[in-house]
C-alpha cells in the first residue's frame, strides 16, 4: 500500500531541487512519515540532500502546520508537505 502526498518547494529548496515548485509523491506505507519523506527527497533530489537532511536548515510544514524539529509525524493520503528553508531579512 502506498501513500500519495503533495510536496511544495519554496525559495532555496526550489532552486536546489532544480526549480521544481511542487510534485506529487508516492511513499511506501512504512516510509510514510516526515522522516521517511526527508530521506526519500534526499535520494530523488541530490542537490537538495544536504538541506533536507538537516532539520535546522529546512523546516517542514504538514498541512500548513510547522513540524517541530525532532518530531516525526505520520503522513496520509492527500497530505501536503511544504519545504521551508530559513528566511532572512533586514
Protein backbone atom coordinates (compact mmCIF):
# COMPACT_ATOMS: atom_id res chain seq x y z
CA UNK A 1 0.00 0.00 0.00
CA UNK A 2 1.24 3.48 -0.82
CA UNK A 3 0.53 6.96 0.49
CA UNK A 4 0.28 9.82 -2.02
CA UNK A 5 1.16 13.31 -0.84
CA UNK A 6 1.80 16.72 -2.39
CA UNK A 7 5.20 18.33 -1.76
CA UNK A 8 5.72 22.09 -2.17
CA UNK A 9 9.22 23.55 -2.62
CA UNK A 10 9.94 27.15 -1.59
CA UNK A 11 12.86 29.58 -2.13
CA UNK A 12 16.29 27.89 -1.99
CA UNK A 13 14.67 24.45 -1.65
CA UNK A 14 13.02 25.01 -5.03
CA UNK A 15 16.35 26.03 -6.56
CA UNK A 16 18.18 23.02 -5.04
CA UNK A 17 15.53 20.66 -6.46
CA UNK A 18 16.06 22.03 -9.97
CA UNK A 19 13.32 24.68 -9.97
CA UNK A 20 10.58 22.23 -9.05
CA UNK A 21 7.77 24.12 -7.32
CA UNK A 22 5.58 21.12 -6.44
CA UNK A 23 5.31 17.41 -7.02
CA UNK A 24 3.08 14.52 -6.12
CA UNK A 25 4.96 11.72 -4.35
CA UNK A 26 4.11 8.14 -3.51
CA UNK A 27 5.64 6.70 -0.36
CA UNK A 28 5.50 3.10 0.78
CA UNK A 29 3.39 2.80 3.91
CA UNK A 30 6.45 2.05 6.06
CA UNK A 31 8.24 5.22 4.88
CA UNK A 32 5.18 7.49 5.13
CA UNK A 33 6.48 9.74 7.90
CA UNK A 34 8.08 13.17 7.87
CA UNK A 35 11.45 11.50 8.49
CA UNK A 36 10.87 8.99 5.69
CA UNK A 37 9.94 11.84 3.37
CA UNK A 38 13.20 13.65 4.16
CA UNK A 39 15.16 10.50 3.23
CA UNK A 40 13.19 9.96 0.01
CA UNK A 41 13.64 13.60 -1.05
CA UNK A 42 17.40 13.35 -0.45
CA UNK A 43 17.51 10.33 -2.78
CA UNK A 44 15.34 11.86 -5.51
CA UNK A 45 16.89 15.33 -5.43
CA UNK A 46 20.66 15.07 -4.72
CA UNK A 47 21.04 18.86 -4.86
CA UNK A 48 18.54 19.12 -2.01
CA UNK A 49 20.07 16.34 0.13
CA UNK A 50 22.24 18.42 2.47
CA UNK A 51 19.38 20.84 3.08
CA UNK A 52 16.60 18.29 3.58
CA UNK A 53 18.66 16.03 5.88
CA UNK A 54 19.39 18.91 8.29
CA UNK A 55 16.30 19.82 10.33
CA UNK A 56 17.91 23.14 11.32
CA UNK A 57 18.36 24.00 7.65
CA UNK A 58 14.88 23.10 6.37
CA UNK A 59 11.56 23.20 8.18
CA UNK A 60 8.64 21.06 7.12
CA UNK A 61 5.05 22.20 7.32
CA UNK A 62 2.43 19.44 7.26
CA UNK A 63 -0.97 20.69 6.11
CA UNK A 64 0.04 24.29 6.94
CA UNK A 65 1.30 23.42 10.47
CA UNK A 66 5.03 23.56 11.23
CA UNK A 67 6.64 20.26 12.24
CA UNK A 68 8.74 20.74 15.38
CA UNK A 69 12.43 19.85 15.00
CA UNK A 70 12.96 16.22 16.03
CA UNK A 71 9.27 15.36 15.71
CA UNK A 72 8.33 12.51 13.35
CA UNK A 73 4.73 12.61 12.15
CA UNK A 74 2.82 10.07 10.06
CA UNK A 75 1.75 11.04 6.54
CA UNK A 76 -1.55 10.02 4.99
CA UNK A 77 -3.11 10.20 1.55
CA UNK A 78 -3.83 13.75 0.47
CA UNK A 79 -1.42 15.44 2.90
CA UNK A 80 0.53 18.49 1.74
CA UNK A 81 4.09 19.00 2.95
CA UNK A 82 5.90 22.28 2.36
CA UNK A 83 9.70 22.53 2.43
CA UNK A 84 10.58 25.86 4.02
CA UNK A 85 14.23 26.96 4.15
CA UNK A 86 15.41 29.57 6.67
CA UNK A 87 14.18 33.04 5.88
CA UNK A 88 16.39 36.02 6.44
CA UNK A 89 15.51 39.62 6.09
CA UNK A 90 16.55 43.02 7.08
